[in-house]
Amino acid sequence: MASPSKETGVLFLRTDFFDSSGNVVFHSPMKIWYQDSIVIEEVVRIESRTDTANKTTVSYPVEVYKYFDLVHRNWYDYRTFADTSRIVRSGILPDSLVRGTDWRGWAFYTNSVPMKSEPEVLTDTIIGGTKYMRIKFSKLKRPSGYYGIGYLRCDNKGKLFSLDKKFSSKVNCRMTRYDEFKESGLRAFATTELEFLSDTLSAYELRVFHAWKENAKKVKAY
């Protein structure tokens, strides 16, 4: 289980898959709000429709807002992001999540990028003024001929969130992006990235956090 944080902000988690020309063929977005040890995820479903002219439109309607309380190890589901919204489902956080058909969201407190072995440390790089450690690794359960390049930031940003947990904790950094490649390819075929949008919450967002904290006190998770 991740340790409670003392940070506040908003971030965006996205996963993109690409064709051989670098065009996005699949996009999975998630907005995340956090305040200390409380995290709220906007979980969407992906809907694709193709019309009679063979034009495909993709939309991302919100399925649920998932509220995590790391201190009390509970989660609660809401249908809308509002201070008047009511809990529709709840549960207890396990130390390592077993995904099932009823689960929705990103279990950010678990290791999302298990590696086959110790990664190879590459030269650092700077992106947007931020310095990143880079590593090359083989992802567990991927067949041979595939590898990943991870980007780790070692400042104090987003301590609660890291795609990898094991190696990142060893070097006191957080993996905020990784690209996946085939040995035979020049371009990444997939990218997963955490983008930090804000270090603060709006007055409305703070009201939602306050209301949902109060709801959690009244409703026992099960």
C-alpha atoms as a PDB file:
ATOM      1  CA  MET A   1       0.000   0.000   0.000  1.00  0.00           C
ATOM      2  CA  ALA A   2       1.326   3.486  -0.873  1.00  0.00           C
ATOM      3  CA  SER A   3       2.227   5.787   1.991  1.00  0.00           C
ATOM      4  CA  PRO A   4      -0.050   8.769   2.630  1.00  0.00           C
ATOM      5  CA  SER A   5       1.018  11.928   0.818  1.00  0.00           C
ATOM      6  CA  LYS A   6       0.965  15.572   1.887  1.00  0.00           C
ATOM      7  CA  GLU A   7       0.329  16.973  -1.564  1.00  0.00           C
ATOM      8  CA  THR A   8      -2.598  18.489  -3.401  1.00  0.00           C
ATOM      9  CA  GLY A   9      -3.255  18.688  -7.102  1.00  0.00           C
ATOM     10  CA  VAL A  10      -4.678  17.343 -10.337  1.00  0.00           C
ATOM     11  CA  LEU A  11      -3.083  15.009 -12.853  1.00  0.00           C
ATOM     12  CA  PHE A  12      -3.948  13.162 -16.030  1.00  0.00           C
ATOM     13  CA  LEU A  13      -3.173   9.521 -16.777  1.00  0.00           C
ATOM     14  CA  ARG A  14      -3.246   8.450 -20.396  1.00  0.00           C
ATOM     15  CA  THR A  15      -2.380   5.321 -22.346  1.00  0.00           C
ATOM     16  CA  ASP A  16      -1.974   5.495 -26.120  1.00  0.00           C
ATOM     17  CA  PHE A  17      -1.347   2.754 -28.669  1.00  0.00           C
ATOM     18  CA  PHE A  18       0.082   3.625 -32.090  1.00  0.00           C
ATOM     19  CA  ASP A  19       0.200   2.119 -35.563  1.00  0.00           C
ATOM     20  CA  SER A  20       3.443   1.705 -37.511  1.00  0.00           C
ATOM     21  CA  SER A  21       3.196   5.323 -38.727  1.00  0.00           C
ATOM     22  CA  GLY A  22       2.852   6.754 -35.221  1.00  0.00           C
ATOM     23  CA  ASN A  23      -0.871   7.495 -35.429  1.00  0.00           C
ATOM     24  CA  VAL A  24      -2.932   6.933 -32.266  1.00  0.00           C
ATOM     25  CA  VAL A  25      -5.226   3.935 -32.703  1.00  0.00           C
ATOM     26  CA  PHE A  26      -6.335   3.614 -29.075  1.00  0.00           C
ATOM     27  CA  HIS A  27      -6.525   6.245 -26.330  1.00  0.00           C
ATOM     28  CA  SER A  28      -7.459   5.688 -22.686  1.00  0.00           C
ATOM     29  CA  PRO A  29      -7.715   8.832 -20.488  1.00  0.00           C
ATOM     30  CA  MET A  30      -8.218   9.344 -16.744  1.00  0.00           C
ATOM     31  CA  LYS A  31      -8.319  12.544 -14.682  1.00  0.00           C
ATOM     32  CA  ILE A  32      -7.166  12.281 -11.061  1.00  0.00           C
ATOM     33  CA  TRP A  33      -7.526  14.676  -8.123  1.00  0.00           C
ATOM     34  CA  TYR A  34      -5.589  14.222  -4.889  1.00  0.00           C
ATOM     35  CA  GLN A  35      -5.355  15.831  -1.456  1.00  0.00           C
ATOM     36  CA  ASP A  36      -3.059  14.329   1.159  1.00  0.00           C
ATOM     37  CA  SER A  37      -4.083  10.651   1.404  1.00  0.00           C
ATOM     38  CA  ILE A  38      -7.350  11.077  -0.535  1.00  0.00           C
ATOM     39  CA  VAL A  39      -7.508  10.378  -4.287  1.00  0.00           C
ATOM     40  CA  ILE A  40     -10.445  10.695  -6.686  1.00  0.00           C
ATOM     41  CA  GLU A  41     -10.340   9.106 -10.144  1.00  0.00           C
ATOM     42  CA  GLU A  42     -12.639   9.947 -13.054  1.00  0.00           C
ATOM     43  CA  VAL A  43     -13.155   6.542 -14.655  1.00  0.00           C
ATOM     44  CA  VAL A  44     -14.516   6.599 -18.202  1.00  0.00           C
ATOM     45  CA  ARG A  45     -15.630   3.923 -20.618  1.00  0.00           C
ATOM     46  CA  ILE A  46     -14.570   3.985 -24.249  1.00  0.00           C
ATOM     47  CA  GLU A  47     -17.378   4.015 -26.820  1.00  0.00           C
ATOM     48  CA  SER A  48     -16.734   3.717 -30.556  1.00  0.00           C
ATOM     49  CA  ARG A  49     -19.382   4.201 -33.252  1.00  0.00           C
ATOM     50  CA  THR A  50     -19.006   3.935 -37.010  1.00  0.00           C
ATOM     51  CA  ASP A  51     -21.644   5.600 -39.184  1.00  0.00           C
ATOM     52  CA  THR A  52     -22.888   4.668 -42.659  1.00  0.00           C
ATOM     53  CA  ALA A  53     -20.124   6.770 -44.226  1.00  0.00           C
ATOM     54  CA  ASN A  54     -17.579   4.579 -42.407  1.00  0.00           C
ATOM     55  CA  LYS A  55     -16.578   7.468 -40.130  1.00  0.00           C
ATOM     56  CA  THR A  56     -15.717   6.348 -36.595  1.00  0.00           C
ATOM     57  CA  THR A  57     -16.375   8.561 -33.580  1.00  0.00           C
ATOM     58  CA  VAL A  58     -14.902   7.767 -30.172  1.00  0.00           C
ATOM     59  CA  SER A  59     -16.327   9.191 -26.937  1.00  0.00           C
ATOM     60  CA  TYR A  60     -15.409   8.828 -23.265  1.00  0.00           C
ATOM     61  CA  PRO A  61     -18.510   9.081 -21.058  1.00  0.00           C
ATOM     62  CA  VAL A  62     -17.834   9.005 -17.320  1.00  0.00           C
ATOM     63  CA  GLU A  63     -18.699   5.662 -15.763  1.00  0.00           C
ATOM     64  CA  VAL A  64     -17.849   6.371 -12.135  1.00  0.00           C
ATOM     65  CA  TYR A  65     -15.847   8.595  -9.800  1.00  0.00           C
ATOM     66  CA  LYS A  66     -13.772   6.449  -7.462  1.00  0.00           C
ATOM     67  CA  TYR A  67     -12.793   7.899  -4.073  1.00  0.00           C
ATOM     68  CA  PHE A  68      -9.791   6.315  -2.293  1.00  0.00           C
ATOM     69  CA  ASP A  69      -8.952   6.839   1.383  1.00  0.00           C
ATOM     70  CA  LEU A  70      -5.475   5.392   1.931  1.00  0.00           C
ATOM     71  CA  VAL A  71      -5.424   6.037   5.683  1.00  0.00           C
ATOM     72  CA  HIS A  72      -8.631   4.103   6.359  1.00  0.00           C
ATOM     73  CA  ARG A  73      -8.045   1.728   3.396  1.00  0.00           C
ATOM     74  CA  ASN A  74     -11.482   2.270   1.862  1.00  0.00           C
ATOM     75  CA  TRP A  75     -12.875   3.147  -1.555  1.00  0.00           C
ATOM     76  CA  TYR A  76     -16.262   4.586  -2.554  1.00  0.00           C
ATOM     77  CA  ASP A  77     -17.928   5.031  -5.958  1.00  0.00           C
ATOM     78  CA  TYR A  78     -19.967   8.084  -7.025  1.00  0.00           C
ATOM     79  CA  ARG A  79     -21.878   8.750 -10.228  1.00  0.00           C
ATOM     80  CA  THR A  80     -21.183  12.495 -10.415  1.00  0.00           C
ATOM     81  CA  PHE A  81     -18.403  14.828  -9.292  1.00  0.00           C
ATOM     82  CA  ALA A  82     -20.493  16.960  -6.958  1.00  0.00           C
ATOM     83  CA  ASP A  83     -20.663  17.711  -3.250  1.00  0.00           C
ATOM     84  CA  THR A  84     -24.296  16.542  -3.286  1.00  0.00           C
ATOM     85  CA  SER A  85     -23.491  13.184  -4.919  1.00  0.00           C
ATOM     86  CA  ARG A  86     -24.196  10.007  -2.977  1.00  0.00           C
ATOM     87  CA  ILE A  87     -22.176   6.800  -2.554  1.00  0.00           C
ATOM     88  CA  VAL A  88     -23.329   4.003  -4.864  1.00  0.00           C
ATOM     89  CA  ARG A  89     -20.757   1.345  -3.976  1.00  0.00           C
ATOM     90  CA  SER A  90     -17.873   0.837  -1.543  1.00  0.00           C
ATOM     91  CA  GLY A  91     -15.142  -1.591  -0.565  1.00  0.00           C
ATOM     92  CA  ILE A  92     -11.940  -2.255   1.365  1.00  0.00           C
ATOM     93  CA  LEU A  93      -8.525  -1.650  -0.188  1.00  0.00           C
ATOM     94  CA  PRO A  94      -6.394  -4.810  -0.309  1.00  0.00           C
ATOM     95  CA  ASP A  95      -2.598  -4.668  -0.166  1.00  0.00           C
ATOM     96  CA  SER A  96      -2.490  -5.852  -3.772  1.00  0.00           C
ATOM     97  CA  LEU A  97      -5.550  -5.536  -5.937  1.00  0.00           C
ATOM     98  CA  VAL A  98      -7.147  -8.547  -7.555  1.00  0.00           C
ATOM     99  CA  ARG A  99      -8.902  -7.174 -10.625  1.00  0.00           C
ATOM    100  CA  GLY A 100     -12.389  -8.453 -11.315  1.00  0.00           C
ATOM    101  CA  THR A 101     -15.346  -7.630 -13.510  1.00  0.00           C
ATOM    102  CA  ASP A 102     -16.698  -5.211 -10.886  1.00  0.00           C
ATOM    103  CA  TRP A 103     -13.487  -3.228 -10.557  1.00  0.00           C
ATOM    104  CA  ARG A 104     -13.082   0.134 -12.280  1.00  0.00           C
ATOM    105  CA  GLY A 105     -10.130   2.505 -12.064  1.00  0.00           C
ATOM    106  CA  TRP A 106      -6.362   2.532 -11.614  1.00  0.00           C
ATOM    107  CA  ALA A 107      -4.941   0.852  -8.503  1.00  0.00           C
ATOM    108  CA  PHE A 108      -2.212   3.486  -8.188  1.00  0.00           C
ATOM    109  CA  TYR A 109      -1.016   2.079  -4.864  1.00  0.00           C
ATOM    110  CA  THR A 110       0.124  -1.169  -6.531  1.00  0.00           C
ATOM    111  CA  ASN A 111       2.959  -1.812  -8.982  1.00  0.00           C
ATOM    112  CA  SER A 112       1.560  -1.187 -12.486  1.00  0.00           C
ATOM    113  CA  VAL A 113       4.822  -2.029 -14.296  1.00  0.00           C
ATOM    114  CA  PRO A 114       6.280  -5.287 -12.944  1.00  0.00           C
ATOM    115  CA  MET A 115       9.715  -5.980 -14.461  1.00  0.00           C
ATOM    116  CA  LYS A 116      11.383  -9.302 -15.233  1.00  0.00           C
ATOM    117  CA  SER A 117      14.699  -8.181 -13.727  1.00  0.00           C
ATOM    118  CA  GLU A 118      16.714  -5.153 -12.620  1.00  0.00           C
ATOM    119  CA  PRO A 119      16.461  -2.458 -15.318  1.00  0.00           C
ATOM    120  CA  GLU A 120      19.380  -0.975 -17.244  1.00  0.00           C
ATOM    121  CA  VAL A 121      20.014   2.670 -16.299  1.00  0.00           C
ATOM    122  CA  LEU A 122      20.400   4.903 -19.375  1.00  0.00           C
ATOM    123  CA  THR A 123      21.566   8.505 -19.695  1.00  0.00           C
ATOM    124  CA  ASP A 124      19.327  11.158 -18.143  1.00  0.00           C
ATOM    125  CA  THR A 125      17.223  13.447 -20.296  1.00  0.00           C
ATOM    126  CA  ILE A 126      15.451  16.783 -19.834  1.00  0.00           C
ATOM    127  CA  ILE A 127      11.850  17.245 -21.007  1.00  0.00           C
ATOM    128  CA  GLY A 128      10.056  20.554 -20.517  1.00  0.00           C
ATOM    129  CA  GLY A 129      12.721  21.720 -18.084  1.00  0.00           C
ATOM    130  CA  THR A 130      12.374  18.636 -15.873  1.00  0.00           C
ATOM    131  CA  LYS A 131      15.236  16.159 -15.536  1.00  0.00           C
ATOM    132  CA  TYR A 132      14.349  12.480 -15.903  1.00  0.00           C
ATOM    133  CA  MET A 133      16.259   9.309 -15.163  1.00  0.00           C
ATOM    134  CA  ARG A 134      15.757   6.815 -17.989  1.00  0.00           C
ATOM    135  CA  ILE A 135      15.741   3.036 -17.663  1.00  0.00           C
ATOM    136  CA  LYS A 136      15.379   0.141 -20.089  1.00  0.00           C
ATOM    137  CA  PHE A 137      13.514  -2.927 -18.885  1.00  0.00           C
ATOM    138  CA  SER A 138      11.571  -6.013 -19.899  1.00  0.00           C
ATOM    139  CA  LYS A 139       8.000  -6.020 -18.651  1.00  0.00           C
ATOM    140  CA  LEU A 140       6.824  -9.122 -16.840  1.00  0.00           C
ATOM    141  CA  LYS A 141       4.547 -11.377 -18.945  1.00  0.00           C
ATOM    142  CA  ARG A 142       5.598  -9.660 -22.182  1.00  0.00           C
ATOM    143  CA  PRO A 143       7.063 -12.114 -24.720  1.00  0.00           C
ATOM    144  CA  SER A 144      10.691 -11.865 -25.774  1.00  0.00           C
ATOM    145  CA  GLY A 145      11.425  -9.209 -28.373  1.00  0.00           C
ATOM    146  CA  TYR A 146       9.725  -6.415 -26.430  1.00  0.00           C
ATOM    147  CA  TYR A 147      11.191  -3.797 -24.086  1.00  0.00           C
ATOM    148  CA  GLY A 148      10.219  -0.620 -22.267  1.00  0.00           C
ATOM    149  CA  ILE A 149      11.869   2.741 -21.682  1.00  0.00           C
ATOM    150  CA  GLY A 150      10.849   4.326 -18.386  1.00  0.00           C
ATOM    151  CA  TYR A 151      11.114   7.980 -17.381  1.00  0.00           C
ATOM    152  CA  LEU A 152      11.553   8.735 -13.670  1.00  0.00           C
ATOM    153  CA  ARG A 153      11.435  12.152 -12.060  1.00  0.00           C
ATOM    154  CA  CYS A 154      13.357  12.558  -8.833  1.00  0.00           C
ATOM    155  CA  ASP A 155      11.979  15.876  -7.543  1.00  0.00           C
ATOM    156  CA  ASN A 156       9.207  16.111  -4.965  1.00  0.00           C
ATOM    157  CA  LYS A 157       6.385  16.086  -7.514  1.00  0.00           C
ATOM    158  CA  GLY A 158       3.580  13.554  -7.138  1.00  0.00           C
ATOM    159  CA  LYS A 159       5.181  11.312  -4.517  1.00  0.00           C
ATOM    160  CA  LEU A 160       2.010   9.245  -4.271  1.00  0.00           C
ATOM    161  CA  PHE A 161       2.003   8.278  -7.945  1.00  0.00           C
ATOM    162  CA  SER A 162       4.490   6.056  -9.738  1.00  0.00           C
ATOM    163  CA  LEU A 163       3.778   3.573 -12.526  1.00  0.00           C
ATOM    164  CA  ASP A 164       6.579   1.388 -11.183  1.00  0.00           C
ATOM    165  CA  LYS A 165       6.965   0.911  -7.447  1.00  0.00           C
ATOM    166  CA  LYS A 166       9.845  -1.518  -6.892  1.00  0.00           C
ATOM    167  CA  PHE A 167      12.779   0.119  -8.698  1.00  0.00           C
ATOM    168  CA  SER A 168      11.419   3.642  -8.177  1.00  0.00           C
ATOM    169  CA  SER A 169      11.403   3.223  -4.403  1.00  0.00           C
ATOM    170  CA  LYS A 170      15.026   2.046  -4.507  1.00  0.00           C
ATOM    171  CA  VAL A 171      16.199   5.245  -6.210  1.00  0.00           C
ATOM    172  CA  ASN A 172      13.663   7.537  -4.466  1.00  0.00           C
ATOM    173  CA  CYS A 173      12.090   8.608  -7.756  1.00  0.00           C
ATOM    174  CA  ARG A 174       8.749   8.115  -9.510  1.00  0.00           C
ATOM    175  CA  MET A 175       8.129   6.616 -12.941  1.00  0.00           C
ATOM    176  CA  THR A 176       5.729   9.009 -14.675  1.00  0.00           C
ATOM    177  CA  ARG A 177       6.035   7.612 -18.195  1.00  0.00           C
ATOM    178  CA  TYR A 178       7.049   4.497 -20.048  1.00  0.00           C
ATOM    179  CA  ASP A 179       7.167   3.693 -23.753  1.00  0.00           C
ATOM    180  CA  GLU A 180       6.930   0.147 -25.125  1.00  0.00           C
ATOM    181  CA  PHE A 181       8.852  -1.032 -28.185  1.00  0.00           C
ATOM    182  CA  LYS A 182       9.328  -4.120 -30.309  1.00  0.00           C
ATOM    183  CA  GLU A 183      12.973  -4.957 -30.912  1.00  0.00           C
ATOM    184  CA  SER A 184      12.257  -4.859 -34.634  1.00  0.00           C
ATOM    185  CA  GLY A 185      10.528  -1.453 -34.546  1.00  0.00           C
ATOM    186  CA  LEU A 186      11.825   2.119 -34.485  1.00  0.00           C
ATOM    187  CA  ARG A 187       8.727   3.706 -32.929  1.00  0.00           C
ATOM    188  CA  ALA A 188       7.017   3.034 -29.615  1.00  0.00           C
ATOM    189  CA  PHE A 189       3.795   1.077 -30.070  1.00  0.00           C
ATOM    190  CA  ALA A 190       2.403   2.218 -26.705  1.00  0.00           C
ATOM    191  CA  THR A 191       2.924   4.996 -24.167  1.00  0.00           C
ATOM    192  CA  THR A 192       1.562   5.408 -20.651  1.00  0.00           C
ATOM    193  CA  GLU A 193       2.138   8.782 -18.997  1.00  0.00           C
ATOM    194  CA  LEU A 194       1.193  10.814 -15.925  1.00  0.00           C
ATOM    195  CA  GLU A 195       0.848  14.537 -16.656  1.00  0.00           C
ATOM    196  CA  PHE A 196       0.652  16.935 -13.695  1.00  0.00           C
ATOM    197  CA  LEU A 197      -1.942  19.604 -14.422  1.00  0.00           C
ATOM    198  CA  SER A 198      -2.134  21.618 -11.205  1.00  0.00           C
ATOM    199  CA  ASP A 199      -0.643  21.919  -7.719  1.00  0.00           C
ATOM    200  CA  THR A 200      -3.910  23.237  -6.296  1.00  0.00           C
ATOM    201  CA  LEU A 201      -7.611  22.392  -6.145  1.00  0.00           C
ATOM    202  CA  SER A 202     -10.380  24.848  -7.019  1.00  0.00           C
ATOM    203  CA  ALA A 203     -12.954  25.974  -4.451  1.00  0.00           C
ATOM    204  CA  TYR A 204     -15.499  23.616  -6.050  1.00  0.00           C
ATOM    205  CA  GLU A 205     -13.086  20.664  -5.988  1.00  0.00           C
ATOM    206  CA  LEU A 206     -12.306  21.355  -2.334  1.00  0.00           C
ATOM    207  CA  ARG A 207     -16.041  21.271  -1.536  1.00  0.00           C
ATOM    208  CA  VAL A 208     -16.309  17.869  -3.191  1.00  0.00           C
ATOM    209  CA  PHE A 209     -13.372  16.523  -1.179  1.00  0.00           C
ATOM    210  CA  HIS A 210     -14.850  17.865   2.066  1.00  0.00           C
ATOM    211  CA  ALA A 211     -18.331  16.436   1.365  1.00  0.00           C
ATOM    212  CA  TRP A 212     -17.025  13.014   0.367  1.00  0.00           C
ATOM    213  CA  LYS A 213     -14.773  12.843   3.424  1.00  0.00           C
ATOM    214  CA  GLU A 214     -17.835  13.471   5.568  1.00  0.00           C
ATOM    215  CA  ASN A 215     -19.784  10.809   3.665  1.00  0.00           C
ATOM    216  CA  ALA A 216     -17.013   8.287   4.308  1.00  0.00           C
ATOM    217  CA  LYS A 217     -17.338   8.881   8.034  1.00  0.00           C
ATOM    218  CA  LYS A 218     -21.027   8.003   7.904  1.00  0.00           C
ATOM    219  CA  VAL A 219     -21.008   5.040   5.496  1.00  0.00           C
ATOM    220  CA  LYS A 220     -19.071   1.893   6.392  1.00  0.00           C
ATOM    221  CA  ALA A 221     -17.213   0.373   3.467  1.00  0.00           C
ATOM    222  CA  TYR A 222     -17.879  -3.312   2.783  1.00  0.00           C
END
